[in-house]
Protein backbone atom coordinates (compact mmCIF):
# COMPACT_ATOMS: atom_id res chain seq x y z
CA MET A 1 -4.59 -29.12 -16.43
CA VAL A 2 -6.95 -26.13 -16.30
CA VAL A 3 -4.53 -24.18 -14.11
CA THR A 4 -1.63 -24.98 -16.47
CA ILE A 5 -3.61 -23.66 -19.45
CA ILE A 6 -4.50 -20.47 -17.57
CA CYS A 7 -0.88 -19.99 -16.47
CA SER A 8 0.25 -20.22 -20.12
CA LYS A 9 -1.12 -16.75 -20.82
CA LYS A 10 1.52 -14.05 -21.31
CA ASP A 11 -0.43 -10.89 -20.43
CA ILE A 12 0.03 -9.88 -16.80
CA LYS A 13 -3.14 -7.77 -16.94
CA ILE A 14 -5.19 -10.96 -17.25
CA PHE A 15 -3.60 -12.41 -14.10
CA MET A 16 -3.99 -9.15 -12.21
CA LYS A 17 -7.66 -9.04 -13.12
CA ILE A 18 -8.18 -12.64 -12.02
CA GLY A 19 -6.10 -12.07 -8.89
CA SER A 20 -8.17 -9.04 -7.95
CA TYR A 21 -11.09 -11.36 -7.26
CA GLY A 22 -8.90 -13.18 -4.76
CA VAL A 23 -9.20 -10.17 -2.45
CA ILE A 24 -12.82 -11.19 -1.84
CA PHE A 25 -11.79 -14.61 -0.56
CA VAL A 26 -8.91 -13.16 1.49
CA VAL A 27 -11.46 -10.96 3.24
CA MET A 28 -13.68 -14.03 3.76
CA LEU A 29 -10.77 -15.92 5.36
CA MET A 30 -9.92 -12.98 7.60
CA ILE A 31 -13.54 -12.67 8.72
CA PHE A 32 -13.57 -16.40 9.47
CA ILE A 33 -10.35 -16.18 11.51
CA ILE A 34 -11.62 -13.11 13.37
CA TYR A 35 -14.87 -14.92 14.15
CA THR A 36 -12.97 -18.01 15.37
CA GLY A 37 -10.74 -15.85 17.59
CA PHE A 38 -13.58 -13.92 19.23
CA ARG A 39 -15.63 -17.09 19.69
CA SER A 40 -12.75 -18.66 21.60
CA LEU A 41 -12.33 -15.52 23.68
CA MET A 42 -15.96 -15.86 24.78
CA ASP A 43 -16.00 -19.57 25.66
CA THR A 44 -12.38 -20.10 26.82
CA ASP A 45 -10.41 -18.81 29.81
CA PHE A 46 -6.98 -17.72 28.55
CA SER A 47 -3.88 -16.88 30.57
CA VAL A 48 -0.26 -16.16 29.64
CA GLY A 49 2.30 -18.68 30.86
CA SER A 50 5.29 -20.84 30.04
CA MET A 51 5.66 -23.73 27.62
CA ALA A 52 5.55 -26.23 30.50
CA GLN A 53 2.20 -24.83 31.64
CA SER A 54 0.85 -25.09 28.10
CA ASN A 55 1.98 -28.73 27.80
CA ALA A 56 0.21 -29.52 31.09
CA THR A 57 -3.14 -28.22 29.82
CA ASP A 58 -6.20 -30.31 30.64
CA TRP A 59 -8.06 -30.27 27.33
CA ASN A 60 -11.29 -31.34 29.00
CA THR A 61 -11.56 -27.90 30.63
CA ASN A 62 -11.89 -24.47 29.08
CA GLU A 63 -8.60 -23.16 30.51
CA ARG A 64 -5.80 -22.48 28.05
CA THR A 65 -2.28 -21.07 28.36
CA LEU A 66 -0.92 -18.70 25.73
CA VAL A 67 2.84 -18.92 25.18
CA LEU A 68 4.52 -15.73 23.98
CA PHE A 69 7.81 -17.49 23.16
CA TYR A 70 7.79 -20.96 21.64
CA THR A 71 10.99 -22.99 21.13
CA ASN A 72 9.68 -24.53 17.90
CA PHE A 73 9.77 -21.20 16.07
CA PRO A 74 12.40 -22.05 13.35
CA GLN A 75 9.66 -23.47 11.10
CA LEU A 76 7.87 -20.14 11.28
CA LEU A 77 11.07 -18.39 10.24
CA GLY A 78 11.09 -20.56 7.12
CA VAL A 79 7.53 -19.48 6.34
CA LEU A 80 8.62 -15.88 6.95
CA CYS A 81 11.32 -16.33 4.32
CA ALA A 82 8.63 -17.54 1.90
CA GLY A 83 6.72 -14.33 2.45
CA TYR A 84 9.90 -12.33 1.88
CA PHE A 85 10.63 -14.27 -1.31
CA LEU A 86 7.13 -13.52 -2.62
CA HIS A 87 7.82 -9.81 -2.19
CA THR A 88 9.74 -10.06 -5.46
CA CYS A 89 6.35 -10.61 -7.09
CA SER A 90 5.69 -6.90 -6.70
CA LEU A 91 8.47 -6.08 -9.18
CA SER A 92 6.40 -7.04 -12.22
CA ILE A 93 3.44 -5.04 -10.91
CA VAL A 94 5.65 -2.01 -10.20
CA ARG A 95 7.19 -2.16 -13.68
CA ASN A 96 3.71 -2.10 -15.25
CA SER A 97 2.34 0.64 -13.01
CA ALA A 98 0.08 3.16 -14.78
CA ASN A 99 1.29 5.93 -12.44
CA PRO A 100 5.02 5.46 -11.73
CA GLU A 101 5.15 8.66 -9.70
CA LYS A 102 2.78 7.10 -7.11
CA ILE A 103 4.70 3.84 -6.70
CA SER A 104 6.07 4.73 -3.24
CA ARG A 105 2.57 5.40 -1.93
CA ASP A 106 1.11 2.24 -3.51
CA VAL A 107 3.92 0.01 -2.24
CA PHE A 108 3.58 1.46 1.28
CA ILE A 109 -0.18 0.83 1.31
CA GLY A 110 0.37 -2.70 0.03
CA TYR A 111 2.95 -3.58 2.67
CA PHE A 112 0.87 -2.00 5.42
CA MET A 113 -2.18 -4.05 4.44
CA VAL A 114 -0.04 -7.19 4.43
CA PHE A 115 1.26 -6.35 7.91
CA LEU A 116 -2.28 -5.71 9.13
CA SER A 117 -3.66 -8.95 7.71
CA TYR A 118 -0.72 -11.01 9.05
CA SER A 119 -1.12 -9.50 12.51
CA ILE A 120 -4.86 -10.14 12.66
CA VAL A 121 -4.63 -13.68 11.35
CA GLY A 122 -1.60 -14.52 13.53
CA VAL A 123 -2.96 -13.25 16.84
CA LEU A 124 -6.61 -14.22 16.51
CA GLY A 125 -5.73 -17.45 14.71
CA TYR A 126 -3.50 -18.56 17.59
CA ILE A 127 -6.16 -17.68 20.14
CA GLY A 128 -9.01 -19.10 18.07
CA PHE A 129 -7.58 -22.55 17.34
CA LEU A 130 -6.65 -23.06 21.00
CA GLY A 131 -10.27 -22.52 22.02
CA PHE A 132 -12.53 -24.91 23.87
CA SER A 133 -14.43 -25.80 20.69
CA PHE A 134 -11.32 -27.63 19.41
CA SER A 135 -10.86 -29.74 22.57
CA TRP A 136 -11.87 -32.90 20.70
CA TYR A 137 -8.93 -32.46 18.33
CA TYR A 138 -6.33 -32.01 21.10
CA LEU A 139 -7.76 -34.96 23.05
CA SER A 140 -7.45 -37.17 19.98
CA ALA A 141 -3.87 -35.95 19.44
CA GLU A 142 -2.63 -36.84 22.94
CA GLY A 143 0.40 -39.10 22.89
CA MET A 144 1.77 -37.52 19.71
CA THR A 145 5.20 -35.91 19.47
CA HIS A 146 3.88 -32.37 19.96
CA PRO A 147 0.54 -32.57 21.79
CA GLY A 148 -1.40 -29.33 22.03
CA GLN A 149 0.12 -27.95 18.85
CA ILE A 150 -2.08 -26.31 16.24
CA ASP A 151 -2.17 -28.46 13.11
CA GLN A 152 -0.10 -27.27 10.15
CA ASN A 153 -3.31 -27.54 8.13
CA CYS A 154 -5.98 -25.97 10.31
CA LEU A 155 -8.70 -27.62 8.20
CA ASN A 156 -7.77 -30.94 9.86
CA MET A 157 -9.01 -29.51 13.16
CA TYR A 158 -12.61 -29.48 11.98
CA HIS A 159 -15.05 -32.33 11.67
CA TYR A 160 -15.74 -33.34 8.10
CA TYR A 161 -19.42 -32.55 8.55
CA ASP A 162 -18.72 -29.03 9.88
CA VAL A 163 -20.50 -26.47 7.67
CA SER A 164 -18.08 -23.65 8.54
CA ALA A 165 -15.13 -25.84 7.51
CA PHE A 166 -16.82 -26.50 4.16
CA VAL A 167 -17.22 -22.75 3.60
CA LEU A 168 -13.56 -22.25 4.55
CA ARG A 169 -12.41 -24.98 2.14
CA LEU A 170 -14.51 -23.43 -0.62
CA ALA A 171 -13.04 -19.98 0.03
CA ILE A 172 -9.48 -21.37 0.02
CA PHE A 173 -10.15 -23.21 -3.25
CA PHE A 174 -11.34 -20.05 -5.02
CA LEU A 175 -8.53 -18.04 -3.40
CA ILE A 176 -5.88 -20.41 -4.76
CA PHE A 177 -7.61 -20.62 -8.14
CA SER A 178 -7.67 -16.82 -8.45
CA THR A 179 -4.22 -15.96 -7.04
CA TYR A 180 -2.04 -18.92 -8.04
CA PRO A 181 -1.92 -17.98 -11.76
CA LEU A 182 -0.50 -14.59 -10.76
CA VAL A 183 2.21 -16.21 -8.61
CA CYS A 184 2.92 -18.67 -11.42
CA TYR A 185 3.36 -15.75 -13.82
CA PHE A 186 5.91 -14.16 -11.48
CA LEU A 187 7.87 -17.40 -11.19
CA ASN A 188 7.72 -17.87 -14.96
CA ASP A 189 8.97 -14.33 -15.51
CA LEU A 190 11.75 -14.84 -12.94
CA ILE A 191 12.94 -18.06 -14.61
CA ILE A 192 12.96 -16.44 -18.05
CA ARG A 193 14.93 -13.45 -16.81
CA LEU A 194 17.47 -15.59 -14.94
CA PHE A 195 18.11 -18.38 -17.44
CA LEU A 196 16.90 -17.09 -20.84
CA LYS A 197 18.19 -13.51 -20.52
CA ALA A 198 14.66 -12.10 -20.80
CA GLN A 199 14.24 -13.47 -24.34
CA GLU A 200 10.78 -14.72 -25.23
CA PRO A 201 10.87 -18.56 -25.15
CA SER A 202 9.21 -20.76 -27.76
CA LYS A 203 5.75 -22.18 -27.10
CA MET A 204 7.20 -25.59 -26.26
CA VAL A 205 9.76 -24.17 -23.80
CA GLY A 206 7.10 -21.97 -22.21
CA LEU A 207 4.77 -24.96 -21.85
CA LEU A 208 7.52 -27.04 -20.23
CA ILE A 209 8.29 -24.23 -17.77
CA ASN A 210 4.62 -23.97 -16.80
CA ILE A 211 4.30 -27.74 -16.39
CA GLY A 212 7.42 -27.81 -14.22
CA ILE A 213 6.13 -24.97 -12.03
CA ASN A 214 2.75 -26.69 -11.54
CA PHE A 215 4.01 -30.29 -11.30
CA PHE A 216 6.14 -29.87 -8.17
CA PRO A 217 3.42 -28.41 -5.88
CA PHE A 218 0.96 -30.96 -7.29
CA ILE A 219 3.19 -33.87 -6.22
CA CYS A 220 3.80 -32.27 -2.82
CA ALA A 221 0.06 -31.85 -2.25
CA LEU A 222 -0.53 -35.54 -3.05
CA TYR A 223 2.26 -37.21 -1.08
CA ILE A 224 3.48 -34.80 1.64
CA PRO A 225 0.93 -34.31 4.45
CA HIS A 226 3.09 -32.00 6.60
CA ILE A 227 3.13 -29.09 4.20
CA GLY A 228 4.36 -26.69 6.89
CA THR A 229 7.62 -28.62 7.32
CA LEU A 230 8.20 -28.70 3.56
CA LEU A 231 7.36 -25.01 3.24
CA ALA A 232 9.81 -24.16 6.02
CA GLY A 233 12.68 -26.03 4.33
CA VAL A 234 12.11 -24.75 0.81
CA SER A 235 11.43 -21.23 2.04
CA THR A 236 14.65 -21.17 4.05
CA ILE A 237 16.66 -21.82 0.87
CA SER A 238 14.77 -19.24 -1.18
CA GLY A 239 14.93 -16.73 1.66
CA PHE A 240 18.71 -17.23 1.96
CA LEU A 241 19.13 -16.48 -1.74
CA ILE A 242 16.86 -13.43 -1.67
CA ILE A 243 18.30 -11.95 1.54
CA TYR A 244 22.04 -12.67 1.26
CA ILE A 245 22.99 -13.65 -2.31
CA PHE A 246 20.89 -11.75 -4.86
CA PRO A 247 21.22 -8.30 -3.21
CA VAL A 248 25.02 -8.50 -3.53
CA PHE A 249 24.86 -9.25 -7.26
CA VAL A 250 22.19 -6.59 -7.82
CA TYR A 251 24.28 -4.00 -5.98
CA LEU A 252 27.42 -4.86 -7.96
CA LYS A 253 25.47 -4.69 -11.21
CA HIS A 254 23.99 -1.33 -10.22
CA MET A 255 27.39 0.14 -9.30
CA ARG A 256 28.84 -1.04 -12.63
CA THR A 257 25.92 0.57 -14.50
CA LYS A 258 26.31 3.74 -12.43
CA ILE A 259 29.90 4.04 -13.63
CA THR A 260 29.37 3.09 -17.28
CA ASN A 261 25.93 4.71 -17.79
CA PRO A 262 24.79 7.04 -14.95
CA LEU A 263 21.60 8.05 -16.78
CA LEU A 264 20.46 4.46 -17.14
CA ALA A 265 21.32 3.70 -13.51
CA GLU A 266 19.21 6.61 -12.27
CA ALA A 267 16.30 5.62 -14.53
CA LEU A 268 16.38 2.07 -13.18
CA VAL A 269 16.31 3.31 -9.59
CA MET A 270 13.40 5.67 -10.30
CA ASN A 271 11.56 3.07 -12.42
CA GLU A 272 11.46 5.49 -15.35
CA PHE A 273 11.82 2.86 -18.07
CA LYS A 274 10.02 0.17 -20.02
CA THR A 275 11.31 -3.02 -21.60
CA LYS A 276 10.81 -3.34 -25.35
CA THR A 277 11.15 -6.75 -26.98
CA SER A 278 11.33 -7.72 -30.64
CA LEU A 279 11.88 -10.97 -32.50
CA ASP A 280 15.08 -9.95 -34.28
CA ARG A 281 16.77 -8.00 -31.49
CA SER A 282 17.63 -8.48 -27.86
CA PRO A 283 15.39 -6.75 -25.27
CA GLN A 284 15.87 -3.00 -25.00
CA ILE A 285 15.42 -0.67 -22.05
CA VAL A 286 13.55 2.42 -23.24
CA LEU A 287 13.74 5.44 -20.95
CA ASN A 288 10.58 7.48 -20.44
CA LYS A 289 10.49 10.71 -22.43
CA ASP A 290 9.40 12.75 -19.41
CA PHE A 291 12.40 11.48 -17.47
CA LEU A 292 14.78 12.36 -20.32
CA ARG A 293 13.24 15.83 -20.61
CA LYS A 294 13.63 16.48 -16.87
CA GLN A 295 17.25 15.35 -16.94
CA GLN A 296 18.00 17.50 -19.95
CA ASN A 297 16.46 20.56 -18.28
CA LEU A 298 18.40 19.83 -15.10
CA ARG A 299 21.64 19.49 -17.03
CA ALA A 300 20.88 22.70 -18.95
CA ARG A 301 20.39 24.62 -15.70
CA LYS A 302 23.75 23.42 -14.49
CA GLY A 303 25.32 24.58 -17.72
CA SER A 304 26.60 21.15 -18.67
CA GLY A 305 25.09 20.98 -22.14
CA ASN A 306 22.63 18.48 -23.59
CA PHE A 307 22.52 14.74 -23.44
CA GLY A 308 23.86 12.61 -26.18
CA GLY A 309 22.55 9.26 -27.29
CA GLY A 310 18.91 8.29 -27.37
CA GLY A 311 16.09 7.04 -25.28
CA ALA A 312 16.62 3.37 -26.06
CA LEU A 313 19.43 1.51 -24.39
CA GLU A 314 20.27 -2.04 -25.34
């Protein structure tokens, strides 16, 4: 209920401010994973081998086999598609950038930091959760379908009385509480743009959209224990749409705009516009004055005359 009320806010600056605190807990999680990885490197003897060697591991010893290629990787591809789908969240941030001319630099830094964090968590997480300190978990899981497999929810690999696990759960709670409203805002904005043609919905419709966005993950958290399997399936569908379907429609729309209104097409590519909404009119795309001035000067140098029309395009 609290999260639904917070997600009902319409100002993205509020969500960005709340989400900025999530960086603290992301750093805490990364430090925890790094610590777990290095601890396992100190008390466990690792070697690189095949899947058969890994399945034959004696969990009573401190010898472990790292597998560089695992046949059960399709689930990870689904999670990868989820990460790719969430890249669309950057569109709202880019549109509201205070310095549009520095967008390329900011986006590069953002993607590089994501790559760095994924690499650290992936490598050291794999090494860390195979360590000797988790032998009790793998011994209790013997006889299962995939023995020796890291749990989809790594928190299940800790004892309930483990202090470090409590700190990790607390960090994840605050991380979700601080970053989920921002993701919910992106999904809300995406739904409005796809189905309501970017028109501001009524309070009742907006409330129903927020309830629908929050209700589905709430039910999944209550009744679906294998969240990784669910995430892989849902992410595969969303990734398919983002990778293969939406780019085709966006490209066709861009080419049509490039033919009918070249100035608008160039402004959209360079992010030199803002969206203006009003109650009695449909949303308008307003081109930045600096962009119009540059284009007019460029056209004047080429001897093609001045632009006609205005800065607002409906």
